[in-house]
Amino acid sequence: MSIGTKVKKHREAKGWSQEDLATRLDTTQTTISNIESDKNIPNSLLLNKLAKELEINMNDLFEDKVTNINQIEKIEGAVNLGNGTINMQSPELLESILNNQAQITKLIESQNKLIESLLKK
């Protein structure tokens, strides 16, 4: 099952429309539609937000080929997915990157508020 199909399944389970989810994520209904129809793959920051908003583990959104990022077998800096090998960083590094992106977003928001307050003076 694709990421888009899983997002749709979890969204519908909550009884939300695409617009409801888009509002919660501060994005557009078109973005959600494109994700659910597999036209677009969400970036890591949006993927993290989706998982949090849908109250699921981010690993649950990955395609069935990669059922749990913590169970992927690493082979000499690459990853064995059972049906091929791709280059990929460790799950811990991925989680750290996502956490850093969330912190950067908060810092930028704080910086913007500070700049706005300084401009008002």
PDB file of N, CA and C in Angstrom:
ATOM      1  N   MET A   1       0.851  -1.171   0.000  1.00  0.00           N
ATOM      2  CA  MET A   1       0.000   0.000   0.000  1.00  0.00           C
ATOM      3  C   MET A   1       0.903   1.243   0.000  1.00  0.00           C
ATOM      4  N   SER A   2       0.594   2.227  -0.812  1.00  0.00           N
ATOM      5  CA  SER A   2       1.427   3.425  -0.949  1.00  0.00           C
ATOM      6  C   SER A   2       1.228   4.387   0.215  1.00  0.00           C
ATOM      7  N   ILE A   3       2.129   5.358   0.317  1.00  0.00           N
ATOM      8  CA  ILE A   3       2.016   6.386   1.357  1.00  0.00           C
ATOM      9  C   ILE A   3       0.687   7.116   1.199  1.00  0.00           C
ATOM     10  N   GLY A   4       0.350   7.485  -0.035  1.00  0.00           N
ATOM     11  CA  GLY A   4      -0.892   8.210  -0.286  1.00  0.00           C
ATOM     12  C   GLY A   4      -2.123   7.439   0.147  1.00  0.00           C
ATOM     13  N   THR A   5      -2.146   6.156  -0.164  1.00  0.00           N
ATOM     14  CA  THR A   5      -3.279   5.307   0.219  1.00  0.00           C
ATOM     15  C   THR A   5      -3.395   5.230   1.734  1.00  0.00           C
ATOM     16  N   LYS A   6      -2.254   5.139   2.404  1.00  0.00           N
ATOM     17  CA  LYS A   6      -2.267   5.059   3.865  1.00  0.00           C
ATOM     18  C   LYS A   6      -2.709   6.378   4.498  1.00  0.00           C
ATOM     19  N   VAL A   7      -2.270   7.493   3.936  1.00  0.00           N
ATOM     20  CA  VAL A   7      -2.712   8.790   4.450  1.00  0.00           C
ATOM     21  C   VAL A   7      -4.231   8.891   4.326  1.00  0.00           C
ATOM     22  N   LYS A   8      -4.744   8.520   3.159  1.00  0.00           N
ATOM     23  CA  LYS A   8      -6.192   8.582   2.940  1.00  0.00           C
ATOM     24  C   LYS A   8      -6.942   7.683   3.926  1.00  0.00           C
ATOM     25  N   LYS A   9      -6.433   6.468   4.120  1.00  0.00           N
ATOM     26  CA  LYS A   9      -7.078   5.524   5.031  1.00  0.00           C
ATOM     27  C   LYS A   9      -7.145   6.091   6.450  1.00  0.00           C
ATOM     28  N   HIS A  10      -6.040   6.629   6.928  1.00  0.00           N
ATOM     29  CA  HIS A  10      -5.995   7.167   8.291  1.00  0.00           C
ATOM     30  C   HIS A  10      -6.824   8.450   8.414  1.00  0.00           C
ATOM     31  N   ARG A  11      -6.810   9.271   7.368  1.00  0.00           N
ATOM     32  CA  ARG A  11      -7.611  10.505   7.382  1.00  0.00           C
ATOM     33  C   ARG A  11      -9.100  10.160   7.457  1.00  0.00           C
ATOM     34  N   GLU A  12      -9.524   9.226   6.607  1.00  0.00           N
ATOM     35  CA  GLU A  12     -10.936   8.833   6.590  1.00  0.00           C
ATOM     36  C   GLU A  12     -11.353   8.164   7.895  1.00  0.00           C
ATOM     37  N   ALA A  13     -10.434   7.427   8.518  1.00  0.00           N
ATOM     38  CA  ALA A  13     -10.734   6.782   9.798  1.00  0.00           C
ATOM     39  C   ALA A  13     -11.049   7.825  10.876  1.00  0.00           C
ATOM     40  N   LYS A  14     -10.464   9.017  10.740  1.00  0.00           N
ATOM     41  CA  LYS A  14     -10.736  10.098  11.682  1.00  0.00           C
ATOM     42  C   LYS A  14     -11.979  10.894  11.281  1.00  0.00           C
ATOM     43  N   GLY A  15     -12.526  10.580  10.095  1.00  0.00           N
ATOM     44  CA  GLY A  15     -13.719  11.292   9.633  1.00  0.00           C
ATOM     45  C   GLY A  15     -13.415  12.681   9.096  1.00  0.00           C
ATOM     46  N   TRP A  16     -12.179  12.910   8.676  1.00  0.00           N
ATOM     47  CA  TRP A  16     -11.765  14.219   8.182  1.00  0.00           C
ATOM     48  C   TRP A  16     -11.831  14.259   6.668  1.00  0.00           C
ATOM     49  N   SER A  17     -12.144  15.432   6.136  1.00  0.00           N
ATOM     50  CA  SER A  17     -12.046  15.668   4.698  1.00  0.00           C
ATOM     51  C   SER A  17     -10.591  16.026   4.380  1.00  0.00           C
ATOM     52  N   GLN A  18     -10.270  16.083   3.103  1.00  0.00           N
ATOM     53  CA  GLN A  18      -8.927  16.520   2.720  1.00  0.00           C
ATOM     54  C   GLN A  18      -8.695  17.954   3.195  1.00  0.00           C
ATOM     55  N   GLU A  19      -9.728  18.765   3.111  1.00  0.00           N
ATOM     56  CA  GLU A  19      -9.619  20.156   3.555  1.00  0.00           C
ATOM     57  C   GLU A  19      -9.345  20.232   5.059  1.00  0.00           C
ATOM     58  N   ASP A  20     -10.005  19.356   5.841  1.00  0.00           N
ATOM     59  CA  ASP A  20      -9.766  19.324   7.291  1.00  0.00           C
ATOM     60  C   ASP A  20      -8.295  19.039   7.586  1.00  0.00           C
ATOM     61  N   LEU A  21      -7.764  18.016   6.939  1.00  0.00           N
ATOM     62  CA  LEU A  21      -6.364  17.647   7.166  1.00  0.00           C
ATOM     63  C   LEU A  21      -5.435  18.761   6.687  1.00  0.00           C
ATOM     64  N   ALA A  22      -5.738  19.337   5.544  1.00  0.00           N
ATOM     65  CA  ALA A  22      -4.913  20.428   5.010  1.00  0.00           C
ATOM     66  C   ALA A  22      -4.857  21.593   5.998  1.00  0.00           C
ATOM     67  N   THR A  23      -5.991  21.949   6.573  1.00  0.00           N
ATOM     68  CA  THR A  23      -6.042  23.044   7.542  1.00  0.00           C
ATOM     69  C   THR A  23      -5.190  22.722   8.760  1.00  0.00           C
ATOM     70  N   ARG A  24      -5.281  21.497   9.243  1.00  0.00           N
ATOM     71  CA  ARG A  24      -4.502  21.080  10.411  1.00  0.00           C
ATOM     72  C   ARG A  24      -3.000  21.126  10.134  1.00  0.00           C
ATOM     73  N   LEU A  25      -2.612  20.920   8.867  1.00  0.00           N
ATOM     74  CA  LEU A  25      -1.200  20.890   8.490  1.00  0.00           C
ATOM     75  C   LEU A  25      -0.714  22.218   7.911  1.00  0.00           C
ATOM     76  N   ASP A  26      -1.619  23.202   7.850  1.00  0.00           N
ATOM     77  CA  ASP A  26      -1.289  24.501   7.271  1.00  0.00           C
ATOM     78  C   ASP A  26      -0.790  24.344   5.829  1.00  0.00           C
ATOM     79  N   THR A  27      -1.553  23.583   5.046  1.00  0.00           N
ATOM     80  CA  THR A  27      -1.244  23.390   3.640  1.00  0.00           C
ATOM     81  C   THR A  27      -2.551  23.467   2.859  1.00  0.00           C
ATOM     82  N   THR A  28      -2.538  23.053   1.615  1.00  0.00           N
ATOM     83  CA  THR A  28      -3.746  23.151   0.793  1.00  0.00           C
ATOM     84  C   THR A  28      -4.393  21.787   0.586  1.00  0.00           C
ATOM     85  N   GLN A  29      -5.666  21.824   0.246  1.00  0.00           N
ATOM     86  CA  GLN A  29      -6.395  20.593  -0.070  1.00  0.00           C
ATOM     87  C   GLN A  29      -5.765  19.931  -1.287  1.00  0.00           C
ATOM     88  N   THR A  30      -5.275  20.722  -2.232  1.00  0.00           N
ATOM     89  CA  THR A  30      -4.629  20.180  -3.431  1.00  0.00           C
ATOM     90  C   THR A  30      -3.391  19.373  -3.065  1.00  0.00           C
ATOM     91  N   THR A  31      -2.637  19.851  -2.092  1.00  0.00           N
ATOM     92  CA  THR A  31      -1.446  19.121  -1.636  1.00  0.00           C
ATOM     93  C   THR A  31      -1.846  17.761  -1.088  1.00  0.00           C
ATOM     94  N   ILE A  32      -2.885  17.735  -0.255  1.00  0.00           N
ATOM     95  CA  ILE A  32      -3.350  16.469   0.318  1.00  0.00           C
ATOM     96  C   ILE A  32      -3.855  15.550  -0.788  1.00  0.00           C
ATOM     97  N   SER A  33      -4.611  16.099  -1.728  1.00  0.00           N
ATOM     98  CA  SER A  33      -5.126  15.311  -2.850  1.00  0.00           C
ATOM     99  C   SER A  33      -3.987  14.696  -3.659  1.00  0.00           C
ATOM    100  N   ASN A  34      -2.951  15.493  -3.928  1.00  0.00           N
ATOM    101  CA  ASN A  34      -1.807  15.000  -4.702  1.00  0.00           C
ATOM    102  C   ASN A  34      -1.033  13.914  -3.959  1.00  0.00           C
ATOM    103  N   ILE A  35      -0.959  14.040  -2.639  1.00  0.00           N
ATOM    104  CA  ILE A  35      -0.300  13.002  -1.838  1.00  0.00           C
ATOM    105  C   ILE A  35      -1.120  11.721  -1.890  1.00  0.00           C
ATOM    106  N   GLU A  36      -2.430  11.845  -1.661  1.00  0.00           N
ATOM    107  CA  GLU A  36      -3.290  10.668  -1.606  1.00  0.00           C
ATOM    108  C   GLU A  36      -3.403   9.960  -2.956  1.00  0.00           C
ATOM    109  N   SER A  37      -3.252  10.702  -4.026  1.00  0.00           N
ATOM    110  CA  SER A  37      -3.312  10.080  -5.358  1.00  0.00           C
ATOM    111  C   SER A  37      -1.922   9.688  -5.856  1.00  0.00           C
ATOM    112  N   ASP A  38      -0.937   9.802  -4.990  1.00  0.00           N
ATOM    113  CA  ASP A  38       0.451   9.431  -5.275  1.00  0.00           C
ATOM    114  C   ASP A  38       1.072  10.249  -6.405  1.00  0.00           C
ATOM    115  N   LYS A  39       0.568  11.449  -6.624  1.00  0.00           N
ATOM    116  CA  LYS A  39       1.175  12.360  -7.593  1.00  0.00           C
ATOM    117  C   LYS A  39       2.401  13.030  -6.977  1.00  0.00           C
ATOM    118  N   ASN A  40       2.354  13.240  -5.659  1.00  0.00           N
ATOM    119  CA  ASN A  40       3.463  13.846  -4.921  1.00  0.00           C
ATOM    120  C   ASN A  40       3.782  12.998  -3.709  1.00  0.00           C
ATOM    121  N   ILE A  41       5.041  12.953  -3.351  1.00  0.00           N
ATOM    122  CA  ILE A  41       5.474  12.302  -2.121  1.00  0.00           C
ATOM    123  C   ILE A  41       5.821  13.412  -1.141  1.00  0.00           C
ATOM    124  N   PRO A  42       5.270  13.368   0.066  1.00  0.00           N
ATOM    125  CA  PRO A  42       5.553  14.452   1.021  1.00  0.00           C
ATOM    126  C   PRO A  42       7.015  14.475   1.427  1.00  0.00           C
ATOM    127  N   ASN A  43       7.542  15.691   1.637  1.00  0.00           N
ATOM    128  CA  ASN A  43       8.922  15.783   2.134  1.00  0.00           C
ATOM    129  C   ASN A  43       8.955  15.316   3.577  1.00  0.00           C
ATOM    130  N   SER A  44      10.132  15.204   4.127  1.00  0.00           N
ATOM    131  CA  SER A  44      10.274  14.626   5.465  1.00  0.00           C
ATOM    132  C   SER A  44       9.567  15.446   6.531  1.00  0.00           C
ATOM    133  N   LEU A  45       9.564  16.760   6.404  1.00  0.00           N
ATOM    134  CA  LEU A  45       8.901  17.600   7.388  1.00  0.00           C
ATOM    135  C   LEU A  45       7.388  17.393   7.340  1.00  0.00           C
ATOM    136  N   LEU A  46       6.818  17.377   6.134  1.00  0.00           N
ATOM    137  CA  LEU A  46       5.374  17.166   5.999  1.00  0.00           C
ATOM    138  C   LEU A  46       5.000  15.746   6.408  1.00  0.00           C
ATOM    139  N   LEU A  47       5.850  14.797   6.091  1.00  0.00           N
ATOM    140  CA  LEU A  47       5.611  13.411   6.485  1.00  0.00           C
ATOM    141  C   LEU A  47       5.531  13.288   8.007  1.00  0.00           C
ATOM    142  N   ASN A  48       6.428  13.971   8.683  1.00  0.00           N
ATOM    143  CA  ASN A  48       6.440  13.980  10.147  1.00  0.00           C
ATOM    144  C   ASN A  48       5.164  14.629  10.688  1.00  0.00           C
ATOM    145  N   LYS A  49       4.758  15.757  10.100  1.00  0.00           N
ATOM    146  CA  LYS A  49       3.529  16.435  10.525  1.00  0.00           C
ATOM    147  C   LYS A  49       2.303  15.551  10.286  1.00  0.00           C
ATOM    148  N   LEU A  50       2.266  14.882   9.125  1.00  0.00           N
ATOM    149  CA  LEU A  50       1.153  13.977   8.817  1.00  0.00           C
ATOM    150  C   LEU A  50       1.020  12.903   9.880  1.00  0.00           C
ATOM    151  N   ALA A  51       2.127  12.272  10.212  1.00  0.00           N
ATOM    152  CA  ALA A  51       2.106  11.198  11.202  1.00  0.00           C
ATOM    153  C   ALA A  51       1.612  11.706  12.553  1.00  0.00           C
ATOM    154  N   LYS A  52       2.111  12.868  12.961  1.00  0.00           N
ATOM    155  CA  LYS A  52       1.688  13.423  14.257  1.00  0.00           C
ATOM    156  C   LYS A  52       0.202  13.764  14.243  1.00  0.00           C
ATOM    157  N   GLU A  53      -0.260  14.394  13.167  1.00  0.00           N
ATOM    158  CA  GLU A  53      -1.657  14.806  13.108  1.00  0.00           C
ATOM    159  C   GLU A  53      -2.594  13.602  13.034  1.00  0.00           C
ATOM    160  N   LEU A  54      -2.172  12.560  12.321  1.00  0.00           N
ATOM    161  CA  LEU A  54      -2.987  11.355  12.197  1.00  0.00           C
ATOM    162  C   LEU A  54      -2.811  10.424  13.401  1.00  0.00           C
ATOM    163  N   GLU A  55      -1.904  10.818  14.311  1.00  0.00           N
ATOM    164  CA  GLU A  55      -1.619  10.063  15.532  1.00  0.00           C
ATOM    165  C   GLU A  55      -1.164   8.639  15.236  1.00  0.00           C
ATOM    166  N   ILE A  56      -0.200   8.548  14.321  1.00  0.00           N
ATOM    167  CA  ILE A  56       0.384   7.254  13.966  1.00  0.00           C
ATOM    168  C   ILE A  56       1.898   7.388  13.967  1.00  0.00           C
ATOM    169  N   ASN A  57       2.566   6.266  13.965  1.00  0.00           N
ATOM    170  CA  ASN A  57       4.014   6.239  13.840  1.00  0.00           C
ATOM    171  C   ASN A  57       4.361   6.528  12.389  1.00  0.00           C
ATOM    172  N   MET A  58       5.371   7.349  12.165  1.00  0.00           N
ATOM    173  CA  MET A  58       5.759   7.693  10.801  1.00  0.00           C
ATOM    174  C   MET A  58       6.075   6.446   9.970  1.00  0.00           C
ATOM    175  N   ASN A  59       6.614   5.415  10.610  1.00  0.00           N
ATOM    176  CA  ASN A  59       6.925   4.176   9.892  1.00  0.00           C
ATOM    177  C   ASN A  59       5.689   3.558   9.255  1.00  0.00           C
ATOM    178  N   ASP A  60       4.521   3.807   9.852  1.00  0.00           N
ATOM    179  CA  ASP A  60       3.278   3.239   9.330  1.00  0.00           C
ATOM    180  C   ASP A  60       2.900   3.815   7.969  1.00  0.00           C
ATOM    181  N   LEU A  61       3.496   4.945   7.588  1.00  0.00           N
ATOM    182  CA  LEU A  61       3.170   5.563   6.307  1.00  0.00           C
ATOM    183  C   LEU A  61       4.016   5.036   5.153  1.00  0.00           C
ATOM    184  N   PHE A  62       5.147   4.419   5.464  1.00  0.00           N
ATOM    185  CA  PHE A  62       6.005   3.933   4.392  1.00  0.00           C
ATOM    186  C   PHE A  62       5.345   2.794   3.645  1.00  0.00           C
ATOM    187  N   GLU A  63       5.704   2.668   2.370  1.00  0.00           N
ATOM    188  CA  GLU A  63       5.125   1.618   1.549  1.00  0.00           C
ATOM    189  C   GLU A  63       5.425   0.254   2.166  1.00  0.00           C
ATOM    190  N   ASP A  64       4.588  -0.726   1.837  1.00  0.00           N
ATOM    191  CA  ASP A  64       4.713  -2.063   2.419  1.00  0.00           C
ATOM    192  C   ASP A  64       6.084  -2.675   2.191  1.00  0.00           C
ATOM    193  N   LYS A  65       6.775  -2.297   1.121  1.00  0.00           N
ATOM    194  CA  LYS A  65       8.119  -2.828   0.863  1.00  0.00           C
ATOM    195  C   LYS A  65       9.052  -2.487   2.019  1.00  0.00           C
ATOM    196  N   VAL A  66       8.801  -1.346   2.652  1.00  0.00           N
ATOM    197  CA  VAL A  66       9.574  -0.917   3.813  1.00  0.00           C
ATOM    198  C   VAL A  66       8.578  -0.807   4.958  1.00  0.00           C
ATOM    199  N   THR A  67       8.262  -1.929   5.573  1.00  0.00           N
ATOM    200  CA  THR A  67       7.196  -1.941   6.563  1.00  0.00           C
ATOM    201  C   THR A  67       7.598  -1.291   7.879  1.00  0.00           C
ATOM    202  N   ASN A  68       8.853  -1.351   8.231  1.00  0.00           N
ATOM    203  CA  ASN A  68       9.291  -0.721   9.464  1.00  0.00           C
ATOM    204  C   ASN A  68      10.731  -0.289   9.277  1.00  0.00           C
ATOM    205  N   ILE A  69      10.954   1.014   9.305  1.00  0.00           N
ATOM    206  CA  ILE A  69      12.291   1.535   9.030  1.00  0.00           C
ATOM    207  C   ILE A  69      13.308   1.029  10.045  1.00  0.00           C
ATOM    208  N   ASN A  70      12.858   0.633  11.231  1.00  0.00           N
ATOM    209  CA  ASN A  70      13.779   0.121  12.241  1.00  0.00           C
ATOM    210  C   ASN A  70      14.216  -1.314  11.956  1.00  0.00           C
ATOM    211  N   GLN A  71      13.533  -2.008  11.041  1.00  0.00           N
ATOM    212  CA  GLN A  71      13.867  -3.393  10.735  1.00  0.00           C
ATOM    213  C   GLN A  71      14.640  -3.548   9.433  1.00  0.00           C
ATOM    214  N   ILE A  72      14.990  -2.436   8.798  1.00  0.00           N
ATOM    215  CA  ILE A  72      15.725  -2.499   7.544  1.00  0.00           C
ATOM    216  C   ILE A  72      17.151  -2.971   7.812  1.00  0.00           C
ATOM    217  N   GLU A  73      17.616  -3.881   7.016  1.00  0.00           N
ATOM    218  CA  GLU A  73      18.955  -4.434   7.175  1.00  0.00           C
ATOM    219  C   GLU A  73      19.959  -3.552   6.447  1.00  0.00           C
ATOM    220  N   LYS A  74      20.962  -3.068   7.186  1.00  0.00           N
ATOM    221  CA  LYS A  74      21.982  -2.223   6.581  1.00  0.00           C
ATOM    222  C   LYS A  74      23.122  -3.105   6.064  1.00  0.00           C
ATOM    223  N   ILE A  75      23.579  -2.807   4.855  1.00  0.00           N
ATOM    224  CA  ILE A  75      24.669  -3.558   4.253  1.00  0.00           C
ATOM    225  C   ILE A  75      25.683  -2.568   3.692  1.00  0.00           C
ATOM    226  N   GLU A  76      26.825  -2.429   4.343  1.00  0.00           N
ATOM    227  CA  GLU A  76      27.911  -1.575   3.891  1.00  0.00           C
ATOM    228  C   GLU A  76      27.425  -0.203   3.436  1.00  0.00           C
ATOM    229  N   GLY A  77      26.718   0.513   4.288  1.00  0.00           N
ATOM    230  CA  GLY A  77      26.268   1.857   3.981  1.00  0.00           C
ATOM    231  C   GLY A  77      25.043   1.926   3.093  1.00  0.00           C
ATOM    232  N   ALA A  78      24.497   0.773   2.717  1.00  0.00           N
ATOM    233  CA  ALA A  78      23.292   0.737   1.899  1.00  0.00           C
ATOM    234  C   ALA A  78      22.213   0.009   2.686  1.00  0.00           C
ATOM    235  N   VAL A  79      21.066  -0.146   2.084  1.00  0.00           N
ATOM    236  CA  VAL A  79      19.951  -0.787   2.748  1.00  0.00           C
ATOM    237  C   VAL A  79      19.403  -1.892   1.869  1.00  0.00           C
ATOM    238  N   ASN A  80      19.214  -3.066   2.456  1.00  0.00           N
ATOM    239  CA  ASN A  80      18.625  -4.187   1.732  1.00  0.00           C
ATOM    240  C   ASN A  80      17.133  -4.204   2.026  1.00  0.00           C
ATOM    241  N   LEU A  81      16.328  -4.036   0.983  1.00  0.00           N
ATOM    242  CA  LEU A  81      14.876  -4.022   1.147  1.00  0.00           C
ATOM    243  C   LEU A  81      14.257  -5.353   0.775  1.00  0.00           C
ATOM    244  N   GLY A  82      15.034  -6.355   0.549  1.00  0.00           N
ATOM    245  CA  GLY A  82      14.502  -7.661   0.177  1.00  0.00           C
ATOM    246  C   GLY A  82      14.377  -7.804  -1.329  1.00  0.00           C
ATOM    247  N   ASN A  83      14.026  -6.732  -2.002  1.00  0.00           N
ATOM    248  CA  ASN A  83      13.883  -6.801  -3.453  1.00  0.00           C
ATOM    249  C   ASN A  83      14.886  -5.895  -4.152  1.00  0.00           C
ATOM    250  N   GLY A  84      15.923  -5.511  -3.450  1.00  0.00           N
ATOM    251  CA  GLY A  84      16.941  -4.644  -4.022  1.00  0.00           C
ATOM    252  C   GLY A  84      17.620  -3.874  -2.920  1.00  0.00           C
ATOM    253  N   THR A  85      18.658  -3.162  -3.258  1.00  0.00           N
ATOM    254  CA  THR A  85      19.411  -2.403  -2.277  1.00  0.00           C
ATOM    255  C   THR A  85      19.459  -0.953  -2.708  1.00  0.00           C
ATOM    256  N   ILE A  86      19.206  -0.057  -1.769  1.00  0.00           N
ATOM    257  CA  ILE A  86      19.296   1.367  -2.052  1.00  0.00           C
ATOM    258  C   ILE A  86      20.191   2.022  -1.018  1.00  0.00           C
ATOM    259  N   ASN A  87      20.733   3.158  -1.364  1.00  0.00           N
ATOM    260  CA  ASN A  87      21.565   3.913  -0.447  1.00  0.00           C
ATOM    261  C   ASN A  87      20.654   4.690   0.486  1.00  0.00           C
ATOM    262  N   MET A  88      20.887   4.588   1.779  1.00  0.00           N
ATOM    263  CA  MET A  88      20.014   5.259   2.743  1.00  0.00           C
ATOM    264  C   MET A  88      20.745   5.435   4.061  1.00  0.00           C
ATOM    265  N   GLN A  89      20.421   6.494   4.774  1.00  0.00           N
ATOM    266  CA  GLN A  89      21.029   6.725   6.075  1.00  0.00           C
ATOM    267  C   GLN A  89      20.324   5.875   7.130  1.00  0.00           C
ATOM    268  N   SER A  90      20.884   5.835   8.303  1.00  0.00           N
ATOM    269  CA  SER A  90      20.323   5.035   9.387  1.00  0.00           C
ATOM    270  C   SER A  90      18.988   5.612   9.852  1.00  0.00           C
ATOM    271  N   PRO A  91      18.102   4.778  10.404  1.00  0.00           N
ATOM    272  CA  PRO A  91      16.819   5.276  10.936  1.00  0.00           C
ATOM    273  C   PRO A  91      17.013   6.327  12.022  1.00  0.00           C
ATOM    274  N   GLU A  92      18.048   6.162  12.841  1.00  0.00           N
ATOM    275  CA  GLU A  92      18.308   7.127  13.896  1.00  0.00           C
ATOM    276  C   GLU A  92      18.649   8.489  13.303  1.00  0.00           C
ATOM    277  N   LEU A  93      19.425   8.477  12.217  1.00  0.00           N
ATOM    278  CA  LEU A  93      19.790   9.727  11.565  1.00  0.00           C
ATOM    279  C   LEU A  93      18.560  10.377  10.941  1.00  0.00           C
ATOM    280  N   LEU A  94      17.708   9.584  10.310  1.00  0.00           N
ATOM    281  CA  LEU A  94      16.473  10.110   9.728  1.00  0.00           C
ATOM    282  C   LEU A  94      15.614  10.765  10.805  1.00  0.00           C
ATOM    283  N   GLU A  95      15.444  10.113  11.928  1.00  0.00           N
ATOM    284  CA  GLU A  95      14.655  10.662  13.026  1.00  0.00           C
ATOM    285  C   GLU A  95      15.281  11.945  13.548  1.00  0.00           C
ATOM    286  N   SER A  96      16.591  11.968  13.648  1.00  0.00           N
ATOM    287  CA  SER A  96      17.296  13.164  14.104  1.00  0.00           C
ATOM    288  C   SER A  96      17.101  14.314  13.118  1.00  0.00           C
ATOM    289  N   ILE A  97      17.168  14.027  11.839  1.00  0.00           N
ATOM    290  CA  ILE A  97      16.956  15.060  10.817  1.00  0.00           C
ATOM    291  C   ILE A  97      15.551  15.640  10.935  1.00  0.00           C
ATOM    292  N   LEU A  98      14.559  14.768  11.111  1.00  0.00           N
ATOM    293  CA  LEU A  98      13.181  15.242  11.242  1.00  0.00           C
ATOM    294  C   LEU A  98      13.007  16.116  12.477  1.00  0.00           C
ATOM    295  N   ASN A  99      13.615  15.706  13.577  1.00  0.00           N
ATOM    296  CA  ASN A  99      13.544  16.504  14.804  1.00  0.00           C
ATOM    297  C   ASN A  99      14.226  17.849  14.622  1.00  0.00           C
ATOM    298  N   ASN A 100      15.379  17.841  13.939  1.00  0.00           N
ATOM    299  CA  ASN A 100      16.093  19.094  13.681  1.00  0.00           C
ATOM    300  C   ASN A 100      15.269  20.018  12.794  1.00  0.00           C
ATOM    301  N   GLN A 101      14.607  19.454  11.777  1.00  0.00           N
ATOM    302  CA  GLN A 101      13.777  20.284  10.904  1.00  0.00           C
ATOM    303  C   GLN A 101      12.635  20.926  11.678  1.00  0.00           C
ATOM    304  N   ALA A 102      12.047  20.177  12.592  1.00  0.00           N
ATOM    305  CA  ALA A 102      10.960  20.729  13.412  1.00  0.00           C
ATOM    306  C   ALA A 102      11.492  21.852  14.303  1.00  0.00           C
ATOM    307  N   GLN A 103      12.676  21.670  14.875  1.00  0.00           N
ATOM    308  CA  GLN A 103      13.266  22.702  15.724  1.00  0.00           C
ATOM    309  C   GLN A 103      13.620  23.940  14.908  1.00  0.00           C
ATOM    310  N   ILE A 104      14.123  23.737  13.701  1.00  0.00           N
ATOM    311  CA  ILE A 104      14.465  24.860  12.822  1.00  0.00           C
ATOM    312  C   ILE A 104      13.211  25.648  12.476  1.00  0.00           C
ATOM    313  N   THR A 105      12.122  24.937  12.196  1.00  0.00           N
ATOM    314  CA  THR A 105      10.858  25.603  11.891  1.00  0.00           C
ATOM    315  C   THR A 105      10.416  26.479  13.052  1.00  0.00           C
ATOM    316  N   LYS A 106      10.516  25.960  14.275  1.00  0.00           N
ATOM    317  CA  LYS A 106      10.140  26.739  15.465  1.00  0.00           C
ATOM    318  C   LYS A 106      11.050  27.961  15.632  1.00  0.00           C
ATOM    319  N   LEU A 107      12.348  27.774  15.382  1.00  0.00           N
ATOM    320  CA  LEU A 107      13.282  28.895  15.500  1.00  0.00           C
ATOM    321  C   LEU A 107      12.977  29.981  14.470  1.00  0.00           C
ATOM    322  N   ILE A 108      12.664  29.582  13.261  1.00  0.00           N
ATOM    323  CA  ILE A 108      12.334  30.551  12.210  1.00  0.00           C
ATOM    324  C   ILE A 108      11.066  31.309  12.573  1.00  0.00           C
ATOM    325  N   GLU A 109      10.066  30.592  13.103  1.00  0.00           N
ATOM    326  CA  GLU A 109       8.829  31.253  13.533  1.00  0.00           C
ATOM    327  C   GLU A 109       9.121  32.256  14.645  1.00  0.00           C
ATOM    328  N   SER A 110       9.949  31.883  15.597  1.00  0.00           N
ATOM    329  CA  SER A 110      10.321  32.794  16.684  1.00  0.00           C
ATOM    330  C   SER A 110      11.078  34.002  16.140  1.00  0.00           C
ATOM    331  N   GLN A 111      11.979  33.748  15.212  1.00  0.00           N
ATOM    332  CA  GLN A 111      12.750  34.828  14.607  1.00  0.00           C
ATOM    333  C   GLN A 111      11.826  35.793  13.859  1.00  0.00           C
ATOM    334  N   ASN A 112      10.859  35.257  13.130  1.00  0.00           N
ATOM    335  CA  ASN A 112       9.918  36.108  12.399  1.00  0.00           C
ATOM    336  C   ASN A 112       9.105  36.973  13.349  1.00  0.00           C
ATOM    337  N   LYS A 113       8.674  36.403  14.483  1.00  0.00           N
ATOM    338  CA  LYS A 113       7.924  37.172  15.473  1.00  0.00           C
ATOM    339  C   LYS A 113       8.787  38.283  16.061  1.00  0.00           C
ATOM    340  N   LEU A 114      10.041  37.969  16.322  1.00  0.00           N
ATOM    341  CA  LEU A 114      10.957  38.967  16.868  1.00  0.00           C
ATOM    342  C   LEU A 114      11.169  40.097  15.864  1.00  0.00           C
ATOM    343  N   ILE A 115      11.369  39.752  14.614  1.00  0.00           N
ATOM    344  CA  ILE A 115      11.567  40.769  13.569  1.00  0.00           C
ATOM    345  C   ILE A 115      10.320  41.645  13.455  1.00  0.00           C
ATOM    346  N   GLU A 116       9.144  41.016  13.478  1.00  0.00           N
ATOM    347  CA  GLU A 116       7.892  41.785  13.409  1.00  0.00           C
ATOM    348  C   GLU A 116       7.788  42.763  14.576  1.00  0.00           C
ATOM    349  N   SER A 117       8.118  42.307  15.781  1.00  0.00           N
ATOM    350  CA  SER A 117       8.037  43.192  16.948  1.00  0.00           C
ATOM    351  C   SER A 117       9.035  44.326  16.857  1.00  0.00           C
ATOM    352  N   LEU A 118      10.225  44.042  16.320  1.00  0.00           N
ATOM    353  CA  LEU A 118      11.235  45.104  16.157  1.00  0.00           C
ATOM    354  C   LEU A 118      10.804  46.116  15.103  1.00  0.00           C
ATOM    355  N   LEU A 119      10.155  45.649  14.058  1.00  0.00           N
ATOM    356  CA  LEU A 119       9.706  46.566  12.997  1.00  0.00           C
ATOM    357  C   LEU A 119       8.574  47.466  13.478  1.00  0.00           C
ATOM    358  N   LYS A 120       7.807  47.009  14.446  1.00  0.00           N
ATOM    359  CA  LYS A 120       6.699  47.816  14.978  1.00  0.00           C
ATOM    360  C   LYS A 120       7.199  48.964  15.850  1.00  0.00           C
ATOM    361  N   LYS A 121       8.418  48.850  16.369  1.00  0.00           N
ATOM    362  CA  LYS A 121       8.983  49.868  17.279  1.00  0.00           C
ATOM    363  C   LYS A 121       9.474  51.070  16.538  1.00  0.00           C
TER     364      LYS A 121
END
